[in-house]
PDB file of N, CA and C in Angstrom:
ATOM      1  N   MET A   1       3.966   8.400   7.641  1.00  0.00           N
ATOM      2  CA  MET A   1       3.000   8.213   7.147  1.00  0.00           C
ATOM      3  C   MET A   1       2.576   9.190   7.730  1.00  0.00           C
ATOM      4  N   ASN A   2       0.912   9.885   7.538  1.00  0.00           N
ATOM      5  CA  ASN A   2      -0.713   9.857   8.152  1.00  0.00           C
ATOM      6  C   ASN A   2      -1.099   8.736   7.975  1.00  0.00           C
ATOM      7  N   THR A   3      -2.745   8.994   9.117  1.00  0.00           N
ATOM      8  CA  THR A   3      -3.331   8.240   8.785  1.00  0.00           C
ATOM      9  C   THR A   3      -3.987   8.080   7.300  1.00  0.00           C
ATOM     10  N   ARG A   4      -4.164   9.116   6.766  1.00  0.00           N
ATOM     11  CA  ARG A   4      -5.301   8.941   5.458  1.00  0.00           C
ATOM     12  C   ARG A   4      -3.824   8.071   4.311  1.00  0.00           C
ATOM     13  N   ASP A   5      -2.954   8.539   3.970  1.00  0.00           N
ATOM     14  CA  ASP A   5      -1.921   8.095   3.526  1.00  0.00           C
ATOM     15  C   ASP A   5      -1.862   6.670   4.120  1.00  0.00           C
ATOM     16  N   LEU A   6      -2.422   5.650   5.374  1.00  0.00           N
ATOM     17  CA  LEU A   6      -2.343   4.499   5.281  1.00  0.00           C
ATOM     18  C   LEU A   6      -3.867   3.730   4.949  1.00  0.00           C
ATOM     19  N   ILE A   7      -4.451   4.820   5.069  1.00  0.00           N
ATOM     20  CA  ILE A   7      -6.251   3.875   4.761  1.00  0.00           C
ATOM     21  C   ILE A   7      -5.715   4.271   2.731  1.00  0.00           C
ATOM     22  N   VAL A   8      -5.195   4.490   2.603  1.00  0.00           N
ATOM     23  CA  VAL A   8      -5.192   4.851   1.005  1.00  0.00           C
ATOM     24  C   VAL A   8      -4.486   3.529   0.720  1.00  0.00           C
ATOM     25  N   GLU A   9      -3.005   3.389   1.336  1.00  0.00           N
ATOM     26  CA  GLU A   9      -2.436   2.369   0.695  1.00  0.00           C
ATOM     27  C   GLU A   9      -2.560   0.771   1.388  1.00  0.00           C
ATOM     28  N   GLU A  10      -3.571   1.152   2.227  1.00  0.00           N
ATOM     29  CA  GLU A  10      -3.920  -0.696   2.447  1.00  0.00           C
ATOM     30  C   GLU A  10      -5.241  -0.601   1.806  1.00  0.00           C
ATOM     31  N   SER A  11      -6.248   0.212   1.746  1.00  0.00           N
ATOM     32  CA  SER A  11      -6.887  -0.795   0.665  1.00  0.00           C
ATOM     33  C   SER A  11      -7.160  -0.731  -0.756  1.00  0.00           C
ATOM     34  N   GLU A  12      -5.292   0.568  -1.293  1.00  0.00           N
ATOM     35  CA  GLU A  12      -4.597   0.091  -2.373  1.00  0.00           C
ATOM     36  C   GLU A  12      -4.242  -1.940  -2.396  1.00  0.00           C
ATOM     37  N   ALA A  13      -3.793  -2.013  -1.519  1.00  0.00           N
ATOM     38  CA  ALA A  13      -3.032  -3.444  -1.264  1.00  0.00           C
ATOM     39  C   ALA A  13      -5.029  -3.914  -1.465  1.00  0.00           C
ATOM     40  N   VAL A  14      -5.514  -4.107  -1.182  1.00  0.00           N
ATOM     41  CA  VAL A  14      -6.204  -4.737  -1.016  1.00  0.00           C
ATOM     42  C   VAL A  14      -7.793  -4.830  -2.481  1.00  0.00           C
ATOM     43  N   THR A  15      -7.275  -3.883  -2.857  1.00  0.00           N
ATOM     44  CA  THR A  15      -7.847  -3.774  -4.811  1.00  0.00           C
ATOM     45  C   THR A  15      -6.878  -4.509  -5.212  1.00  0.00           C
ATOM     46  N   LYS A  16      -5.558  -4.456  -5.138  1.00  0.00           N
ATOM     47  CA  LYS A  16      -4.593  -5.826  -5.869  1.00  0.00           C
ATOM     48  C   LYS A  16      -4.651  -6.881  -6.155  1.00  0.00           C
ATOM     49  N   LEU A  17      -5.378  -7.251  -4.535  1.00  0.00           N
ATOM     50  CA  LEU A  17      -4.989  -8.592  -4.136  1.00  0.00           C
ATOM     51  C   LEU A  17      -5.859  -9.497  -4.893  1.00  0.00           C
ATOM     52  N   LEU A  18      -7.453  -8.275  -4.948  1.00  0.00           N
ATOM     53  CA  LEU A  18      -8.519  -8.480  -5.464  1.00  0.00           C
ATOM     54  C   LEU A  18      -8.309  -8.493  -6.559  1.00  0.00           C
ATOM     55  N   ILE A  19      -7.745  -7.253  -7.925  1.00  0.00           N
ATOM     56  CA  ILE A  19      -8.745  -8.273  -9.128  1.00  0.00           C
ATOM     57  C   ILE A  19      -6.951  -9.400  -9.281  1.00  0.00           C
ATOM     58  N   LEU A  20      -5.862  -9.127  -8.629  1.00  0.00           N
ATOM     59  CA  LEU A  20      -5.245 -10.563  -8.630  1.00  0.00           C
ATOM     60  C   LEU A  20      -5.965 -12.094  -8.822  1.00  0.00           C
ATOM     61  N   LYS A  21      -6.321 -12.084  -7.867  1.00  0.00           N
ATOM     62  CA  LYS A  21      -7.368 -13.866  -7.037  1.00  0.00           C
ATOM     63  C   LYS A  21      -8.484 -14.094  -8.440  1.00  0.00           C
ATOM     64  N   ASN A  22      -8.984 -12.068  -9.143  1.00  0.00           N
ATOM     65  CA  ASN A  22      -9.969 -12.597  -9.696  1.00  0.00           C
ATOM     66  C   ASN A  22      -9.461 -12.973 -11.063  1.00  0.00           C
ATOM     67  N   GLU A  23      -8.689 -12.449 -12.056  1.00  0.00           N
ATOM     68  CA  GLU A  23      -8.219 -13.205 -13.324  1.00  0.00           C
ATOM     69  C   GLU A  23      -7.683 -14.504 -13.078  1.00  0.00           C
ATOM     70  N   ALA A  24      -6.679 -14.684 -11.852  1.00  0.00           N
ATOM     71  CA  ALA A  24      -6.374 -16.237 -11.495  1.00  0.00           C
ATOM     72  C   ALA A  24      -7.975 -16.450 -11.007  1.00  0.00           C
ATOM     73  N   TYR A  25      -8.772 -16.609 -10.880  1.00  0.00           N
ATOM     74  CA  TYR A  25      -9.895 -17.318 -10.201  1.00  0.00           C
ATOM     75  C   TYR A  25     -10.739 -17.100 -11.285  1.00  0.00           C
ATOM     76  N   GLY A  26     -10.505 -17.396 -12.047  1.00  0.00           N
ATOM     77  CA  GLY A  26     -11.832 -16.547 -13.269  1.00  0.00           C
ATOM     78  C   GLY A  26     -13.071 -16.127 -12.953  1.00  0.00           C
ATOM     79  N   ASP A  27     -12.857 -15.205 -11.945  1.00  0.00           N
ATOM     80  CA  ASP A  27     -14.300 -14.740 -10.603  1.00  0.00           C
ATOM     81  C   ASP A  27     -15.076 -16.034 -10.511  1.00  0.00           C
ATOM     82  N   SER A  28     -14.294 -16.284  -9.742  1.00  0.00           N
ATOM     83  CA  SER A  28     -15.110 -17.395  -9.236  1.00  0.00           C
ATOM     84  C   SER A  28     -15.991 -17.589  -8.137  1.00  0.00           C
ATOM     85  N   ALA A  29     -16.042 -16.256  -8.129  1.00  0.00           N
ATOM     86  CA  ALA A  29     -16.369 -15.856  -6.236  1.00  0.00           C
ATOM     87  C   ALA A  29     -17.597 -14.972  -6.291  1.00  0.00           C
ATOM     88  N   LEU A  30     -18.168 -14.312  -7.730  1.00  0.00           N
ATOM     89  CA  LEU A  30     -19.328 -13.866  -8.240  1.00  0.00           C
ATOM     90  C   LEU A  30     -19.420 -14.521  -8.647  1.00  0.00           C
ATOM     91  N   ASN A  31     -19.173 -15.958  -9.720  1.00  0.00           N
ATOM     92  CA  ASN A  31     -19.955 -16.589 -10.606  1.00  0.00           C
ATOM     93  C   ASN A  31     -19.144 -18.294 -10.217  1.00  0.00           C
ATOM     94  N   PRO A  32     -20.034 -18.575  -8.852  1.00  0.00           N
ATOM     95  CA  PRO A  32     -19.109 -19.540  -8.382  1.00  0.00           C
ATOM     96  C   PRO A  32     -19.654 -21.447  -9.303  1.00  0.00           C
ATOM     97  N   ALA A  33     -18.312 -21.932  -9.691  1.00  0.00           N
ATOM     98  CA  ALA A  33     -18.451 -23.041 -10.833  1.00  0.00           C
ATOM     99  C   ALA A  33     -19.248 -23.931 -10.232  1.00  0.00           C
ATOM    100  N   ASN A  34     -19.906 -24.170  -8.570  1.00  0.00           N
ATOM    101  CA  ASN A  34     -20.445 -24.951  -8.180  1.00  0.00           C
ATOM    102  C   ASN A  34     -20.330 -26.741  -8.277  1.00  0.00           C
ATOM    103  N   ILE A  35     -19.240 -26.462  -8.404  1.00  0.00           N
ATOM    104  CA  ILE A  35     -18.166 -27.713  -8.650  1.00  0.00           C
ATOM    105  C   ILE A  35     -18.674 -29.040  -7.180  1.00  0.00           C
ATOM    106  N   PHE A  36     -18.927 -28.648  -6.736  1.00  0.00           N
ATOM    107  CA  PHE A  36     -18.769 -29.630  -4.988  1.00  0.00           C
ATOM    108  C   PHE A  36     -19.257 -28.318  -3.606  1.00  0.00           C
ATOM    109  N   ALA A  37     -20.507 -27.456  -4.253  1.00  0.00           N
ATOM    110  CA  ALA A  37     -20.972 -25.750  -3.333  1.00  0.00           C
ATOM    111  C   ALA A  37     -21.744 -26.268  -4.893  1.00  0.00           C
ATOM    112  N   SER A  38     -22.771 -25.670  -3.890  1.00  0.00           N
ATOM    113  CA  SER A  38     -24.511 -25.389  -4.628  1.00  0.00           C
ATOM    114  C   SER A  38     -24.933 -24.283  -3.901  1.00  0.00           C
ATOM    115  N   GLY A  39     -24.032 -23.234  -3.285  1.00  0.00           N
ATOM    116  CA  GLY A  39     -24.788 -22.270  -2.906  1.00  0.00           C
ATOM    117  C   GLY A  39     -24.407 -21.013  -4.240  1.00  0.00           C
ATOM    118  N   ASN A  40     -25.447 -20.031  -3.679  1.00  0.00           N
ATOM    119  CA  ASN A  40     -24.715 -18.823  -4.872  1.00  0.00           C
ATOM    120  C   ASN A  40     -23.606 -18.284  -3.965  1.00  0.00           C
ATOM    121  N   ALA A  41     -22.840 -17.231  -5.015  1.00  0.00           N
ATOM    122  CA  ALA A  41     -22.190 -15.926  -4.794  1.00  0.00           C
ATOM    123  C   ALA A  41     -21.997 -15.099  -3.208  1.00  0.00           C
ATOM    124  N   VAL A  42     -23.065 -15.087  -2.754  1.00  0.00           N
ATOM    125  CA  VAL A  42     -23.681 -13.915  -0.994  1.00  0.00           C
ATOM    126  C   VAL A  42     -23.658 -15.787  -0.437  1.00  0.00           C
ATOM    127  N   ASP A  43     -24.466 -16.886  -0.824  1.00  0.00           N
ATOM    128  CA  ASP A  43     -23.951 -17.572   0.408  1.00  0.00           C
ATOM    129  C   ASP A  43     -22.440 -18.526   0.477  1.00  0.00           C
ATOM    130  N   ASN A  44     -22.042 -18.020  -0.819  1.00  0.00           N
ATOM    131  CA  ASN A  44     -20.513 -18.951  -0.560  1.00  0.00           C
ATOM    132  C   ASN A  44     -19.553 -17.837  -0.250  1.00  0.00           C
ATOM    133  N   LEU A  45     -19.869 -16.925  -0.436  1.00  0.00           N
ATOM    134  CA  LEU A  45     -18.657 -15.974   0.381  1.00  0.00           C
ATOM    135  C   LEU A  45     -18.828 -15.184   2.156  1.00  0.00           C
ATOM    136  N   CYS A  46     -20.350 -15.857   2.255  1.00  0.00           N
ATOM    137  CA  CYS A  46     -20.998 -15.454   4.065  1.00  0.00           C
ATOM    138  C   CYS A  46     -19.552 -16.881   4.225  1.00  0.00           C
ATOM    139  N   CYS A  47     -20.020 -17.779   3.812  1.00  0.00           N
ATOM    140  CA  CYS A  47     -19.260 -19.357   4.160  1.00  0.00           C
ATOM    141  C   CYS A  47     -17.393 -19.100   4.111  1.00  0.00           C
ATOM    142  N   ARG A  48     -17.296 -18.459   3.041  1.00  0.00           N
ATOM    143  CA  ARG A  48     -15.335 -17.846   3.009  1.00  0.00           C
ATOM    144  C   ARG A  48     -15.294 -17.011   4.799  1.00  0.00           C
ATOM    145  N   ILE A  49     -15.992 -16.380   4.348  1.00  0.00           N
ATOM    146  CA  ILE A  49     -16.246 -14.863   5.580  1.00  0.00           C
ATOM    147  C   ILE A  49     -16.642 -15.824   6.660  1.00  0.00           C
ATOM    148  N   ASP A  50     -17.782 -16.344   7.140  1.00  0.00           N
ATOM    149  CA  ASP A  50     -16.613 -17.160   8.800  1.00  0.00           C
ATOM    150  C   ASP A  50     -15.900 -18.579   8.598  1.00  0.00           C
ATOM    151  N   ASP A  51     -15.204 -18.704   7.752  1.00  0.00           N
ATOM    152  CA  ASP A  51     -13.991 -19.776   7.748  1.00  0.00           C
ATOM    153  C   ASP A  51     -13.636 -18.552   8.345  1.00  0.00           C
ATOM    154  N   LYS A  52     -12.674 -17.359   7.784  1.00  0.00           N
ATOM    155  CA  LYS A  52     -12.335 -16.091   7.779  1.00  0.00           C
ATOM    156  C   LYS A  52     -12.344 -16.031   9.548  1.00  0.00           C
ATOM    157  N   LEU A  53     -12.805 -15.738   9.833  1.00  0.00           N
ATOM    158  CA  LEU A  53     -13.418 -15.332  11.216  1.00  0.00           C
ATOM    159  C   LEU A  53     -13.468 -16.202  12.392  1.00  0.00           C
ATOM    160  N   MET A  54     -14.066 -17.346  11.716  1.00  0.00           N
ATOM    161  CA  MET A  54     -13.476 -18.774  12.645  1.00  0.00           C
ATOM    162  C   MET A  54     -11.801 -19.085  12.740  1.00  0.00           C
ATOM    163  N   ARG A  55     -10.952 -19.037  11.973  1.00  0.00           N
ATOM    164  CA  ARG A  55      -8.901 -18.001  11.795  1.00  0.00           C
ATOM    165  C   ARG A  55      -9.042 -17.490  12.808  1.00  0.00           C
ATOM    166  N   ILE A  56      -9.492 -16.543  12.692  1.00  0.00           N
ATOM    167  CA  ILE A  56      -9.127 -14.937  13.818  1.00  0.00           C
ATOM    168  C   ILE A  56      -9.750 -15.785  14.874  1.00  0.00           C
ATOM    169  N   LYS A  57     -10.882 -15.755  15.596  1.00  0.00           N
ATOM    170  CA  LYS A  57     -11.228 -16.662  16.763  1.00  0.00           C
ATOM    171  C   LYS A  57     -10.227 -17.163  17.269  1.00  0.00           C
ATOM    172  N   MET A  58      -9.531 -18.852  16.209  1.00  0.00           N
ATOM    173  CA  MET A  58      -8.806 -19.709  16.795  1.00  0.00           C
ATOM    174  C   MET A  58      -8.018 -19.208  16.658  1.00  0.00           C
ATOM    175  N   ARG A  59      -7.505 -18.550  16.504  1.00  0.00           N
ATOM    176  CA  ARG A  59      -5.860 -18.314  16.404  1.00  0.00           C
ATOM    177  C   ARG A  59      -4.836 -16.942  16.566  1.00  0.00           C
ATOM    178  N   GLY A  60      -6.041 -15.682  16.517  1.00  0.00           N
ATOM    179  CA  GLY A  60      -5.932 -14.620  16.777  1.00  0.00           C
ATOM    180  C   GLY A  60      -5.240 -13.446  15.823  1.00  0.00           C
ATOM    181  N   ILE A  61      -5.495 -12.849  16.055  1.00  0.00           N
ATOM    182  CA  ILE A  61      -4.591 -11.884  14.855  1.00  0.00           C
ATOM    183  C   ILE A  61      -2.987 -11.428  15.154  1.00  0.00           C
ATOM    184  N   THR A  62      -1.771 -12.490  14.425  1.00  0.00           N
ATOM    185  CA  THR A  62      -0.557 -12.555  14.625  1.00  0.00           C
ATOM    186  C   THR A  62       0.136 -12.448  13.514  1.00  0.00           C
ATOM    187  N   ASP A  63       1.012 -12.223  13.567  1.00  0.00           N
ATOM    188  CA  ASP A  63       2.235 -11.942  11.778  1.00  0.00           C
ATOM    189  C   ASP A  63       1.445 -13.255  11.183  1.00  0.00           C
ATOM    190  N   GLU A  64       1.616 -14.355  11.322  1.00  0.00           N
ATOM    191  CA  GLU A  64       1.107 -15.486  11.683  1.00  0.00           C
ATOM    192  C   GLU A  64       0.486 -15.731   9.854  1.00  0.00           C
ATOM    193  N   THR A  65      -1.315 -14.513  10.844  1.00  0.00           N
ATOM    194  CA  THR A  65      -2.622 -14.222  10.705  1.00  0.00           C
ATOM    195  C   THR A  65      -3.168 -13.353   9.886  1.00  0.00           C
ATOM    196  N   GLU A  66      -1.813 -12.607   9.624  1.00  0.00           N
ATOM    197  CA  GLU A  66      -2.584 -11.200   9.375  1.00  0.00           C
ATOM    198  C   GLU A  66      -2.594 -11.626   7.421  1.00  0.00           C
ATOM    199  N   ASP A  67      -2.005 -12.634   6.937  1.00  0.00           N
ATOM    200  CA  ASP A  67      -3.594 -11.972   6.330  1.00  0.00           C
ATOM    201  C   ASP A  67      -4.890 -12.735   5.741  1.00  0.00           C
ATOM    202  N   THR A  68      -4.929 -13.931   6.728  1.00  0.00           N
ATOM    203  CA  THR A  68      -6.612 -13.463   7.275  1.00  0.00           C
ATOM    204  C   THR A  68      -7.182 -12.102   7.102  1.00  0.00           C
ATOM    205  N   VAL A  69      -6.431 -11.643   7.753  1.00  0.00           N
ATOM    206  CA  VAL A  69      -7.437 -10.189   7.627  1.00  0.00           C
ATOM    207  C   VAL A  69      -8.037  -9.760   6.416  1.00  0.00           C
ATOM    208  N   GLN A  70      -6.434  -9.601   5.942  1.00  0.00           N
ATOM    209  CA  GLN A  70      -6.375  -9.216   4.033  1.00  0.00           C
ATOM    210  C   GLN A  70      -7.354 -10.155   3.968  1.00  0.00           C
ATOM    211  N   ASP A  71      -7.549 -11.384   3.932  1.00  0.00           N
ATOM    212  CA  ASP A  71      -8.724 -11.771   2.675  1.00  0.00           C
ATOM    213  C   ASP A  71     -10.066 -11.387   3.202  1.00  0.00           C
ATOM    214  N   LEU A  72     -10.361 -11.550   4.225  1.00  0.00           N
ATOM    215  CA  LEU A  72     -11.659 -11.812   5.212  1.00  0.00           C
ATOM    216  C   LEU A  72     -12.141  -9.907   4.778  1.00  0.00           C
ATOM    217  N   ILE A  73     -11.050  -8.595   4.673  1.00  0.00           N
ATOM    218  CA  ILE A  73     -11.791  -7.931   4.260  1.00  0.00           C
ATOM    219  C   ILE A  73     -11.793  -7.792   2.525  1.00  0.00           C
ATOM    220  N   GLY A  74     -11.480  -8.348   2.355  1.00  0.00           N
ATOM    221  CA  GLY A  74     -11.291  -9.165   0.262  1.00  0.00           C
ATOM    222  C   GLY A  74     -12.834  -9.551   0.628  1.00  0.00           C
ATOM    223  N   TYR A  75     -13.059 -11.047   1.411  1.00  0.00           N
ATOM    224  CA  TYR A  75     -13.979 -11.125   0.880  1.00  0.00           C
ATOM    225  C   TYR A  75     -15.087 -10.095   1.496  1.00  0.00           C
ATOM    226  N   LEU A  76     -15.439  -9.209   2.038  1.00  0.00           N
ATOM    227  CA  LEU A  76     -16.365  -8.411   2.881  1.00  0.00           C
ATOM    228  C   LEU A  76     -16.730  -7.506   1.420  1.00  0.00           C
ATOM    229  N   ILE A  77     -15.848  -6.839   0.840  1.00  0.00           N
ATOM    230  CA  ILE A  77     -16.016  -5.819  -0.491  1.00  0.00           C
ATOM    231  C   ILE A  77     -16.683  -7.326  -1.403  1.00  0.00           C
ATOM    232  N   LEU A  78     -16.109  -8.372  -1.548  1.00  0.00           N
ATOM    233  CA  LEU A  78     -16.841  -9.431  -3.028  1.00  0.00           C
ATOM    234  C   LEU A  78     -18.276  -9.292  -2.113  1.00  0.00           C
ATOM    235  N   LEU A  79     -18.486  -9.536  -1.067  1.00  0.00           N
ATOM    236  CA  LEU A  79     -19.686  -9.456  -0.535  1.00  0.00           C
ATOM    237  C   LEU A  79     -20.796  -8.303  -1.373  1.00  0.00           C
ATOM    238  N   LYS A  80     -19.977  -6.946  -0.343  1.00  0.00           N
ATOM    239  CA  LYS A  80     -20.345  -5.971  -1.147  1.00  0.00           C
ATOM    240  C   LYS A  80     -21.581  -5.732  -2.263  1.00  0.00           C
ATOM    241  N   VAL A  81     -19.963  -6.543  -3.636  1.00  0.00           N
ATOM    242  CA  VAL A  81     -20.311  -6.491  -4.634  1.00  0.00           C
ATOM    243  C   VAL A  81     -21.131  -7.806  -5.117  1.00  0.00           C
ATOM    244  N   ALA A  82     -21.784  -8.474  -4.298  1.00  0.00           N
ATOM    245  CA  ALA A  82     -22.364  -9.574  -4.857  1.00  0.00           C
ATOM    246  C   ALA A  82     -23.969  -9.115  -5.260  1.00  0.00           C
ATOM    247  N   LEU A  83     -24.347  -8.802  -2.816  1.00  0.00           N
ATOM    248  CA  LEU A  83     -25.516  -7.972  -3.381  1.00  0.00           C
ATOM    249  C   LEU A  83     -25.871  -6.644  -4.182  1.00  0.00           C
ATOM    250  N   ARG A  84     -24.913  -6.137  -4.693  1.00  0.00           N
ATOM    251  CA  ARG A  84     -25.386  -5.132  -5.645  1.00  0.00           C
ATOM    252  C   ARG A  84     -25.765  -6.077  -6.525  1.00  0.00           C
ATOM    253  N   MET A  85     -24.756  -6.903  -6.817  1.00  0.00           N
ATOM    254  CA  MET A  85     -25.134  -7.453  -8.639  1.00  0.00           C
ATOM    255  C   MET A  85     -26.782  -8.422  -8.489  1.00  0.00           C
ATOM    256  N   LYS A  86     -26.649  -8.960  -7.071  1.00  0.00           N
ATOM    257  CA  LYS A  86     -28.279  -9.532  -6.553  1.00  0.00           C
ATOM    258  C   LYS A  86     -29.766  -8.444  -6.675  1.00  0.00           C
ATOM    259  N   ASN A  87     -28.734  -7.613  -6.798  1.00  0.00           N
ATOM    260  CA  ASN A  87     -30.898  -6.613  -5.915  1.00  0.00           C
ATOM    261  C   ASN A  87     -30.546  -5.317  -7.712  1.00  0.00           C
ATOM    262  N   GLY A  88     -29.584  -5.890  -8.186  1.00  0.00           N
ATOM    263  CA  GLY A  88     -29.533  -4.582  -9.440  1.00  0.00           C
ATOM    264  C   GLY A  88     -28.906  -3.366  -9.049  1.00  0.00           C
TER     265      GLY A  88
END
């Protein structure tokens, strides 16, 4: 597989994960329920990104934490979406 194919494969995997989680959690990343947290989507996503970065900082990137990298990519995409929605 060449680099282009690997980029497409990895980005499609993140896209599928985001769509599945969005359906499972009812769009909670972009429309938070604010039951425990009272932030807006951008603030809440930044908090989730901080958590993922801290996990990488504390544990590194290993087979055990590789899903953290995929989650981080997903949260960054959701942050971009939230910012677009916020700015119209």
